[in-house]
């Protein structure tokens, strides 16, 4: 377990990868971004108050190290992208990071966190810790349902975000059942799923990023977070019907 945590930690800090240098590195197929989930509270918040407050709840994969890490992590890039695409809207993204917590533990804390923040939408990233600890997939799904219902009861929309893709750790933990449960819960609850696992696997398969390379290129980590932020912004805008749908999220 310690070796696995260390491997994930190193990958999370450095994104063990070397990026292919071409202008479309951030591009994502539409089927990986756009679905039937709607963000009606986001739509209302933007149209009624010209304000969009987003809360990202998850583990350390939403952060980057270094003195400027917070500026380059995907929550900051999400905020910047949304501000550019919604120029008349005051966009604020906050992050609540809780290290090594299962979905059930996070679900138990949601009501208290939401009462303090009152966001229009919560991006809930989870799944990796449950997979690492071997939590029963059915129990994981139950925790997800409980968390989604708590978020909605607090007056916020939900975007579920699954785990990162890493071929170097994929053989060590079986993330498939947890990713499928997240997809099933998203469909049942009618909420968007940000398929980070599928998107990053697509980037690996197309050569946009080489996640097999044993490098520690911090600039690559920044680029991956930039792409995640842009893709998530595209999904939110589409699900809230705030602009034209586009799968081209690069520069």
C-alpha atoms as a PDB file:
ATOM      1  CA  UNK A   1       0.000   0.000   0.000  1.00  0.00           C
ATOM      2  CA  UNK A   2       2.821   2.443   0.875  1.00  0.00           C
ATOM      3  CA  UNK A   3       4.484   1.753  -2.464  1.00  0.00           C
ATOM      4  CA  UNK A   4       1.211   2.417  -4.256  1.00  0.00           C
ATOM      5  CA  UNK A   5       0.602   5.656  -2.367  1.00  0.00           C
ATOM      6  CA  UNK A   6       4.129   6.773  -3.165  1.00  0.00           C
ATOM      7  CA  UNK A   7       3.673   5.931  -6.838  1.00  0.00           C
ATOM      8  CA  UNK A   8       0.423   7.849  -7.028  1.00  0.00           C
ATOM      9  CA  UNK A   9       1.913  10.746  -5.098  1.00  0.00           C
ATOM     10  CA  UNK A  10       4.887  11.098  -7.414  1.00  0.00           C
ATOM     11  CA  UNK A  11       2.615  10.890 -10.447  1.00  0.00           C
ATOM     12  CA  UNK A  12       0.211  13.410  -8.983  1.00  0.00           C
ATOM     13  CA  UNK A  13       2.987  15.890  -8.279  1.00  0.00           C
ATOM     14  CA  UNK A  14       4.826  15.565 -11.518  1.00  0.00           C
ATOM     15  CA  UNK A  15       2.451  13.841 -13.958  1.00  0.00           C
ATOM     16  CA  UNK A  16       5.002  11.289 -15.111  1.00  0.00           C
ATOM     17  CA  UNK A  17       4.644  12.230 -18.745  1.00  0.00           C
ATOM     18  CA  UNK A  18       6.136  13.936 -21.755  1.00  0.00           C
ATOM     19  CA  UNK A  19       3.706  15.879 -23.909  1.00  0.00           C
ATOM     20  CA  UNK A  20       3.620  15.775 -27.668  1.00  0.00           C
ATOM     21  CA  UNK A  21       3.995  19.391 -28.721  1.00  0.00           C
ATOM     22  CA  UNK A  22       1.081  20.165 -31.016  1.00  0.00           C
ATOM     23  CA  UNK A  23      -1.680  22.775 -30.714  1.00  0.00           C
ATOM     24  CA  UNK A  24      -4.520  20.276 -30.212  1.00  0.00           C
ATOM     25  CA  UNK A  25      -3.171  18.572 -27.080  1.00  0.00           C
ATOM     26  CA  UNK A  26      -6.232  19.605 -25.056  1.00  0.00           C
ATOM     27  CA  UNK A  27      -8.848  18.436 -27.553  1.00  0.00           C
ATOM     28  CA  UNK A  28     -11.436  15.945 -26.283  1.00  0.00           C
ATOM     29  CA  UNK A  29     -13.993  13.948 -28.319  1.00  0.00           C
ATOM     30  CA  UNK A  30     -17.515  15.212 -27.722  1.00  0.00           C
ATOM     31  CA  UNK A  31     -18.735  11.812 -26.504  1.00  0.00           C
ATOM     32  CA  UNK A  32     -16.351  12.070 -23.546  1.00  0.00           C
ATOM     33  CA  UNK A  33     -17.631  15.511 -22.505  1.00  0.00           C
ATOM     34  CA  UNK A  34     -21.255  15.975 -23.413  1.00  0.00           C
ATOM     35  CA  UNK A  35     -24.255  13.999 -22.192  1.00  0.00           C
ATOM     36  CA  UNK A  36     -27.767  14.323 -20.859  1.00  0.00           C
ATOM     37  CA  UNK A  37     -26.939  15.670 -17.383  1.00  0.00           C
ATOM     38  CA  UNK A  38     -28.173  19.190 -16.757  1.00  0.00           C
ATOM     39  CA  UNK A  39     -26.971  21.981 -14.460  1.00  0.00           C
ATOM     40  CA  UNK A  40     -30.174  23.951 -13.966  1.00  0.00           C
ATOM     41  CA  UNK A  41     -29.044  25.730 -10.791  1.00  0.00           C
ATOM     42  CA  UNK A  42     -25.970  26.963 -12.633  1.00  0.00           C
ATOM     43  CA  UNK A  43     -28.203  28.255 -15.412  1.00  0.00           C
ATOM     44  CA  UNK A  44     -30.401  30.074 -12.894  1.00  0.00           C
ATOM     45  CA  UNK A  45     -27.472  31.538 -10.955  1.00  0.00           C
ATOM     46  CA  UNK A  46     -25.876  32.948 -14.095  1.00  0.00           C
ATOM     47  CA  UNK A  47     -29.081  34.350 -15.552  1.00  0.00           C
ATOM     48  CA  UNK A  48     -30.507  35.754 -12.321  1.00  0.00           C
ATOM     49  CA  UNK A  49     -27.436  37.082 -10.526  1.00  0.00           C
ATOM     50  CA  UNK A  50     -24.636  36.989 -13.134  1.00  0.00           C
ATOM     51  CA  UNK A  51     -22.618  35.013 -10.611  1.00  0.00           C
ATOM     52  CA  UNK A  52     -21.256  31.466 -10.622  1.00  0.00           C
ATOM     53  CA  UNK A  53     -19.805  29.940  -7.451  1.00  0.00           C
ATOM     54  CA  UNK A  54     -18.192  26.528  -7.866  1.00  0.00           C
ATOM     55  CA  UNK A  55     -16.913  24.266  -5.108  1.00  0.00           C
ATOM     56  CA  UNK A  56     -14.496  21.451  -5.945  1.00  0.00           C
ATOM     57  CA  UNK A  57     -14.408  18.706  -3.339  1.00  0.00           C
ATOM     58  CA  UNK A  58     -11.812  15.984  -3.560  1.00  0.00           C
ATOM     59  CA  UNK A  59      -8.303  14.816  -2.835  1.00  0.00           C
ATOM     60  CA  UNK A  60      -4.831  16.015  -3.723  1.00  0.00           C
ATOM     61  CA  UNK A  61      -5.196  15.515  -7.482  1.00  0.00           C
ATOM     62  CA  UNK A  62      -6.872  18.920  -7.664  1.00  0.00           C
ATOM     63  CA  UNK A  63      -3.649  20.599  -6.537  1.00  0.00           C
ATOM     64  CA  UNK A  64      -0.096  21.195  -7.745  1.00  0.00           C
ATOM     65  CA  UNK A  65       2.968  21.790  -5.615  1.00  0.00           C
ATOM     66  CA  UNK A  66       5.307  24.743  -5.801  1.00  0.00           C
ATOM     67  CA  UNK A  67       4.930  28.442  -5.009  1.00  0.00           C
ATOM     68  CA  UNK A  68       2.652  28.987  -8.017  1.00  0.00           C
ATOM     69  CA  UNK A  69       0.984  25.594  -7.868  1.00  0.00           C
ATOM     70  CA  UNK A  70      -2.457  26.921  -7.048  1.00  0.00           C
ATOM     71  CA  UNK A  71      -2.352  29.214 -10.096  1.00  0.00           C
ATOM     72  CA  UNK A  72      -1.660  26.322 -12.461  1.00  0.00           C
ATOM     73  CA  UNK A  73      -3.901  23.636 -10.919  1.00  0.00           C
ATOM     74  CA  UNK A  74      -7.090  22.836 -12.792  1.00  0.00           C
ATOM     75  CA  UNK A  75      -9.474  24.692 -10.400  1.00  0.00           C
ATOM     76  CA  UNK A  76      -7.719  27.993 -11.193  1.00  0.00           C
ATOM     77  CA  UNK A  77      -7.632  27.176 -14.907  1.00  0.00           C
ATOM     78  CA  UNK A  78     -11.346  26.327 -14.755  1.00  0.00           C
ATOM     79  CA  UNK A  79     -12.076  29.697 -13.177  1.00  0.00           C
ATOM     80  CA  UNK A  80     -10.015  31.555 -15.771  1.00  0.00           C
ATOM     81  CA  UNK A  81     -11.585  29.703 -18.698  1.00  0.00           C
ATOM     82  CA  UNK A  82     -15.125  30.256 -17.469  1.00  0.00           C
ATOM     83  CA  UNK A  83     -14.414  33.937 -16.830  1.00  0.00           C
ATOM     84  CA  UNK A  84     -13.235  34.300 -20.434  1.00  0.00           C
ATOM     85  CA  UNK A  85     -16.163  32.417 -21.912  1.00  0.00           C
ATOM     86  CA  UNK A  86     -18.715  34.113 -19.630  1.00  0.00           C
ATOM     87  CA  UNK A  87     -17.372  37.695 -19.594  1.00  0.00           C
ATOM     88  CA  UNK A  88     -20.390  39.210 -17.837  1.00  0.00           C
ATOM     89  CA  UNK A  89     -20.425  36.645 -15.034  1.00  0.00           C
ATOM     90  CA  UNK A  90     -18.510  36.806 -11.751  1.00  0.00           C
ATOM     91  CA  UNK A  91     -16.931  33.348 -11.542  1.00  0.00           C
ATOM     92  CA  UNK A  92     -15.403  32.021  -8.322  1.00  0.00           C
ATOM     93  CA  UNK A  93     -13.968  28.537  -7.859  1.00  0.00           C
ATOM     94  CA  UNK A  94     -13.095  27.277  -4.392  1.00  0.00           C
ATOM     95  CA  UNK A  95     -11.430  23.994  -3.528  1.00  0.00           C
ATOM     96  CA  UNK A  96     -11.963  21.807  -0.474  1.00  0.00           C
ATOM     97  CA  UNK A  97      -9.204  19.214  -0.371  1.00  0.00           C
ATOM     98  CA  UNK A  98      -9.390  16.267   2.009  1.00  0.00           C
ATOM     99  CA  UNK A  99      -6.518  13.822   1.667  1.00  0.00           C
ATOM    100  CA  UNK A 100      -7.148  10.071   1.411  1.00  0.00           C
ATOM    101  CA  UNK A 101     -10.858  10.178   2.194  1.00  0.00           C
ATOM    102  CA  UNK A 102     -13.318   7.643   0.853  1.00  0.00           C
ATOM    103  CA  UNK A 103     -16.548   8.701  -0.809  1.00  0.00           C
ATOM    104  CA  UNK A 104     -18.488   7.793   2.327  1.00  0.00           C
ATOM    105  CA  UNK A 105     -16.349  10.004   4.557  1.00  0.00           C
ATOM    106  CA  UNK A 106     -16.675  12.892   2.111  1.00  0.00           C
ATOM    107  CA  UNK A 107     -20.439  12.354   1.860  1.00  0.00           C
ATOM    108  CA  UNK A 108     -20.691  12.576   5.639  1.00  0.00           C
ATOM    109  CA  UNK A 109     -18.931  15.959   5.581  1.00  0.00           C
ATOM    110  CA  UNK A 110     -20.828  17.474   2.683  1.00  0.00           C
ATOM    111  CA  UNK A 111     -23.690  19.099   4.567  1.00  0.00           C
ATOM    112  CA  UNK A 112     -21.361  21.038   6.836  1.00  0.00           C
ATOM    113  CA  UNK A 113     -19.162  22.150   3.942  1.00  0.00           C
ATOM    114  CA  UNK A 114     -22.097  23.191   1.765  1.00  0.00           C
ATOM    115  CA  UNK A 115     -23.738  25.165   4.545  1.00  0.00           C
ATOM    116  CA  UNK A 116     -20.631  27.335   4.741  1.00  0.00           C
ATOM    117  CA  UNK A 117     -20.024  27.789   1.010  1.00  0.00           C
ATOM    118  CA  UNK A 118     -23.459  27.722  -0.723  1.00  0.00           C
ATOM    119  CA  UNK A 119     -22.148  27.075  -4.265  1.00  0.00           C
ATOM    120  CA  UNK A 120     -24.277  26.814  -7.389  1.00  0.00           C
ATOM    121  CA  UNK A 121     -22.465  23.612  -8.361  1.00  0.00           C
ATOM    122  CA  UNK A 122     -20.206  21.099  -6.648  1.00  0.00           C
ATOM    123  CA  UNK A 123     -17.577  19.190  -8.613  1.00  0.00           C
ATOM    124  CA  UNK A 124     -17.061  16.035  -6.571  1.00  0.00           C
ATOM    125  CA  UNK A 125     -13.917  14.111  -7.491  1.00  0.00           C
ATOM    126  CA  UNK A 126     -13.646  10.715  -5.857  1.00  0.00           C
ATOM    127  CA  UNK A 127     -13.032   7.016  -6.463  1.00  0.00           C
ATOM    128  CA  UNK A 128      -9.268   6.546  -6.215  1.00  0.00           C
ATOM    129  CA  UNK A 129      -9.092   6.067  -2.448  1.00  0.00           C
ATOM    130  CA  UNK A 130     -12.059   3.678  -2.481  1.00  0.00           C
ATOM    131  CA  UNK A 131     -10.318   1.606  -5.165  1.00  0.00           C
ATOM    132  CA  UNK A 132      -7.028   1.635  -3.270  1.00  0.00           C
ATOM    133  CA  UNK A 133      -8.715   0.476  -0.064  1.00  0.00           C
ATOM    134  CA  UNK A 134     -10.867  -2.107  -1.748  1.00  0.00           C
ATOM    135  CA  UNK A 135     -14.181  -0.621  -0.658  1.00  0.00           C
ATOM    136  CA  UNK A 136     -17.059  -2.728  -1.979  1.00  0.00           C
ATOM    137  CA  UNK A 137     -18.202  -1.157  -5.276  1.00  0.00           C
ATOM    138  CA  UNK A 138     -21.845  -1.360  -4.177  1.00  0.00           C
ATOM    139  CA  UNK A 139     -21.011   0.488  -0.955  1.00  0.00           C
ATOM    140  CA  UNK A 140     -19.160   3.064  -3.042  1.00  0.00           C
ATOM    141  CA  UNK A 141     -22.256   3.560  -5.206  1.00  0.00           C
ATOM    142  CA  UNK A 142     -24.419   3.952  -2.106  1.00  0.00           C
ATOM    143  CA  UNK A 143     -22.076   6.635  -0.773  1.00  0.00           C
ATOM    144  CA  UNK A 144     -22.162   8.439  -4.118  1.00  0.00           C
ATOM    145  CA  UNK A 145     -25.956   8.450  -4.165  1.00  0.00           C
ATOM    146  CA  UNK A 146     -26.034   9.761  -0.609  1.00  0.00           C
ATOM    147  CA  UNK A 147     -23.573  12.528  -1.434  1.00  0.00           C
ATOM    148  CA  UNK A 148     -25.347  13.596  -4.618  1.00  0.00           C
ATOM    149  CA  UNK A 149     -28.663  13.784  -2.773  1.00  0.00           C
ATOM    150  CA  UNK A 150     -27.080  15.841   0.019  1.00  0.00           C
ATOM    151  CA  UNK A 151     -25.626  18.294  -2.486  1.00  0.00           C
ATOM    152  CA  UNK A 152     -28.904  18.661  -4.316  1.00  0.00           C
ATOM    153  CA  UNK A 153     -30.813  19.081  -1.042  1.00  0.00           C
ATOM    154  CA  UNK A 154     -28.459  21.959  -0.211  1.00  0.00           C
ATOM    155  CA  UNK A 155     -29.523  23.709  -3.422  1.00  0.00           C
ATOM    156  CA  UNK A 156     -26.516  22.966  -5.616  1.00  0.00           C
ATOM    157  CA  UNK A 157     -25.934  21.098  -8.865  1.00  0.00           C
ATOM    158  CA  UNK A 158     -23.470  18.215  -9.031  1.00  0.00           C
ATOM    159  CA  UNK A 159     -20.728  17.185 -11.424  1.00  0.00           C
ATOM    160  CA  UNK A 160     -19.111  13.858 -10.580  1.00  0.00           C
ATOM    161  CA  UNK A 161     -15.436  13.557 -11.525  1.00  0.00           C
ATOM    162  CA  UNK A 162     -13.762  10.167 -11.601  1.00  0.00           C
ATOM    163  CA  UNK A 163     -10.137   9.254 -11.050  1.00  0.00           C
ATOM    164  CA  UNK A 164      -6.997  10.135 -13.017  1.00  0.00           C
ATOM    165  CA  UNK A 165      -5.565   7.783 -15.627  1.00  0.00           C
ATOM    166  CA  UNK A 166      -2.125   6.411 -14.923  1.00  0.00           C
ATOM    167  CA  UNK A 167      -0.851   3.330 -16.788  1.00  0.00           C
ATOM    168  CA  UNK A 168       1.928   3.016 -14.215  1.00  0.00           C
ATOM    169  CA  UNK A 169      -0.573   2.341 -11.417  1.00  0.00           C
ATOM    170  CA  UNK A 170      -3.484   0.860 -13.389  1.00  0.00           C
ATOM    171  CA  UNK A 171      -2.095  -2.650 -12.891  1.00  0.00           C
ATOM    172  CA  UNK A 172      -1.886  -2.068  -9.131  1.00  0.00           C
ATOM    173  CA  UNK A 173      -5.469  -0.977  -8.468  1.00  0.00           C
ATOM    174  CA  UNK A 174      -8.667  -2.011 -10.238  1.00  0.00           C
ATOM    175  CA  UNK A 175     -10.438   1.292 -10.889  1.00  0.00           C
ATOM    176  CA  UNK A 176     -12.851  -0.078 -13.496  1.00  0.00           C
ATOM    177  CA  UNK A 177     -15.721  -1.100 -11.158  1.00  0.00           C
ATOM    178  CA  UNK A 178     -15.592   2.260  -9.385  1.00  0.00           C
ATOM    179  CA  UNK A 179     -15.566   4.224 -12.633  1.00  0.00           C
ATOM    180  CA  UNK A 180     -18.554   2.215 -13.871  1.00  0.00           C
ATOM    181  CA  UNK A 181     -20.426   2.828 -10.625  1.00  0.00           C
ATOM    182  CA  UNK A 182     -19.803   6.559 -10.977  1.00  0.00           C
ATOM    183  CA  UNK A 183     -21.182   6.445 -14.512  1.00  0.00           C
ATOM    184  CA  UNK A 184     -24.243   4.507 -13.353  1.00  0.00           C
ATOM    185  CA  UNK A 185     -24.943   6.891 -10.451  1.00  0.00           C
ATOM    186  CA  UNK A 186     -24.542   9.909 -12.732  1.00  0.00           C
ATOM    187  CA  UNK A 187     -27.041   8.432 -15.183  1.00  0.00           C
ATOM    188  CA  UNK A 188     -29.525   7.497 -12.467  1.00  0.00           C
ATOM    189  CA  UNK A 189     -29.281  10.911 -10.805  1.00  0.00           C
ATOM    190  CA  UNK A 190     -29.282  12.843 -14.076  1.00  0.00           C
ATOM    191  CA  UNK A 191     -26.012  14.653 -13.299  1.00  0.00           C
ATOM    192  CA  UNK A 192     -22.965  15.166 -15.536  1.00  0.00           C
ATOM    193  CA  UNK A 193     -19.956  12.893 -15.176  1.00  0.00           C
ATOM    194  CA  UNK A 194     -16.594  14.442 -15.961  1.00  0.00           C
ATOM    195  CA  UNK A 195     -14.811  11.339 -17.233  1.00  0.00           C
ATOM    196  CA  UNK A 196     -11.283  12.340 -16.303  1.00  0.00           C
ATOM    197  CA  UNK A 197     -10.198   8.704 -16.585  1.00  0.00           C
ATOM    198  CA  UNK A 198     -11.501   8.375 -20.136  1.00  0.00           C
ATOM    199  CA  UNK A 199     -10.258  11.792 -21.218  1.00  0.00           C
ATOM    200  CA  UNK A 200      -6.729  11.205 -19.972  1.00  0.00           C
ATOM    201  CA  UNK A 201      -6.704   7.715 -21.499  1.00  0.00           C
ATOM    202  CA  UNK A 202      -7.719   9.343 -24.803  1.00  0.00           C
ATOM    203  CA  UNK A 203      -4.825  11.780 -24.530  1.00  0.00           C
ATOM    204  CA  UNK A 204      -2.500   8.848 -23.872  1.00  0.00           C
ATOM    205  CA  UNK A 205      -3.847   6.802 -26.795  1.00  0.00           C
ATOM    206  CA  UNK A 206      -3.571   9.718 -29.239  1.00  0.00           C
ATOM    207  CA  UNK A 207      -0.071  10.684 -28.104  1.00  0.00           C
ATOM    208  CA  UNK A 208      -1.073  14.081 -26.739  1.00  0.00           C
ATOM    209  CA  UNK A 209       0.565  13.042 -23.472  1.00  0.00           C
ATOM    210  CA  UNK A 210       2.879  10.111 -22.814  1.00  0.00           C
ATOM    211  CA  UNK A 211       1.862   8.905 -19.354  1.00  0.00           C
ATOM    212  CA  UNK A 212       4.272   5.996 -19.583  1.00  0.00           C
ATOM    213  CA  UNK A 213       7.388   8.173 -19.597  1.00  0.00           C
ATOM    214  CA  UNK A 214       9.320   8.167 -16.325  1.00  0.00           C
ATOM    215  CA  UNK A 215       9.968  11.898 -16.258  1.00  0.00           C
ATOM    216  CA  UNK A 216       9.178  14.579 -13.700  1.00  0.00           C
ATOM    217  CA  UNK A 217       8.336  17.445 -16.010  1.00  0.00           C
ATOM    218  CA  UNK A 218       6.465  19.942 -13.873  1.00  0.00           C
ATOM    219  CA  UNK A 219       5.555  21.913 -16.971  1.00  0.00           C
ATOM    220  CA  UNK A 220       3.725  18.836 -18.257  1.00  0.00           C
ATOM    221  CA  UNK A 221       1.739  18.641 -15.033  1.00  0.00           C
ATOM    222  CA  UNK A 222       0.711  22.238 -15.594  1.00  0.00           C
ATOM    223  CA  UNK A 223      -0.341  21.491 -19.168  1.00  0.00           C
ATOM    224  CA  UNK A 224      -2.455  18.517 -18.080  1.00  0.00           C
ATOM    225  CA  UNK A 225      -4.189  20.653 -15.451  1.00  0.00           C
ATOM    226  CA  UNK A 226      -4.718  23.392 -18.039  1.00  0.00           C
ATOM    227  CA  UNK A 227      -6.419  20.908 -20.334  1.00  0.00           C
ATOM    228  CA  UNK A 228      -8.556  19.480 -17.529  1.00  0.00           C
ATOM    229  CA  UNK A 229      -9.686  22.983 -16.547  1.00  0.00           C
ATOM    230  CA  UNK A 230     -10.664  23.845 -20.106  1.00  0.00           C
ATOM    231  CA  UNK A 231     -12.499  20.578 -20.665  1.00  0.00           C
ATOM    232  CA  UNK A 232     -14.419  20.912 -17.412  1.00  0.00           C
ATOM    233  CA  UNK A 233     -15.398  24.468 -18.336  1.00  0.00           C
ATOM    234  CA  UNK A 234     -16.713  23.232 -21.692  1.00  0.00           C
ATOM    235  CA  UNK A 235     -18.803  20.588 -19.973  1.00  0.00           C
ATOM    236  CA  UNK A 236     -20.268  23.013 -17.430  1.00  0.00           C
ATOM    237  CA  UNK A 237     -21.176  25.557 -20.111  1.00  0.00           C
ATOM    238  CA  UNK A 238     -22.857  22.887 -22.201  1.00  0.00           C
ATOM    239  CA  UNK A 239     -24.758  21.234 -19.312  1.00  0.00           C
ATOM    240  CA  UNK A 240     -26.001  24.647 -18.148  1.00  0.00           C
ATOM    241  CA  UNK A 241     -26.825  25.696 -21.732  1.00  0.00           C
ATOM    242  CA  UNK A 242     -24.739  28.851 -21.414  1.00  0.00           C
ATOM    243  CA  UNK A 243     -23.052  28.792 -24.789  1.00  0.00           C
ATOM    244  CA  UNK A 244     -22.197  26.790 -27.890  1.00  0.00           C
ATOM    245  CA  UNK A 245     -21.105  23.222 -27.400  1.00  0.00           C
ATOM    246  CA  UNK A 246     -17.535  22.626 -28.480  1.00  0.00           C
ATOM    247  CA  UNK A 247     -15.199  19.716 -27.885  1.00  0.00           C
ATOM    248  CA  UNK A 248     -12.204  21.779 -28.972  1.00  0.00           C
ATOM    249  CA  UNK A 249     -10.888  23.009 -25.656  1.00  0.00           C
ATOM    250  CA  UNK A 250      -7.325  23.827 -26.642  1.00  0.00           C
ATOM    251  CA  UNK A 251      -5.905  27.307 -27.303  1.00  0.00           C
END
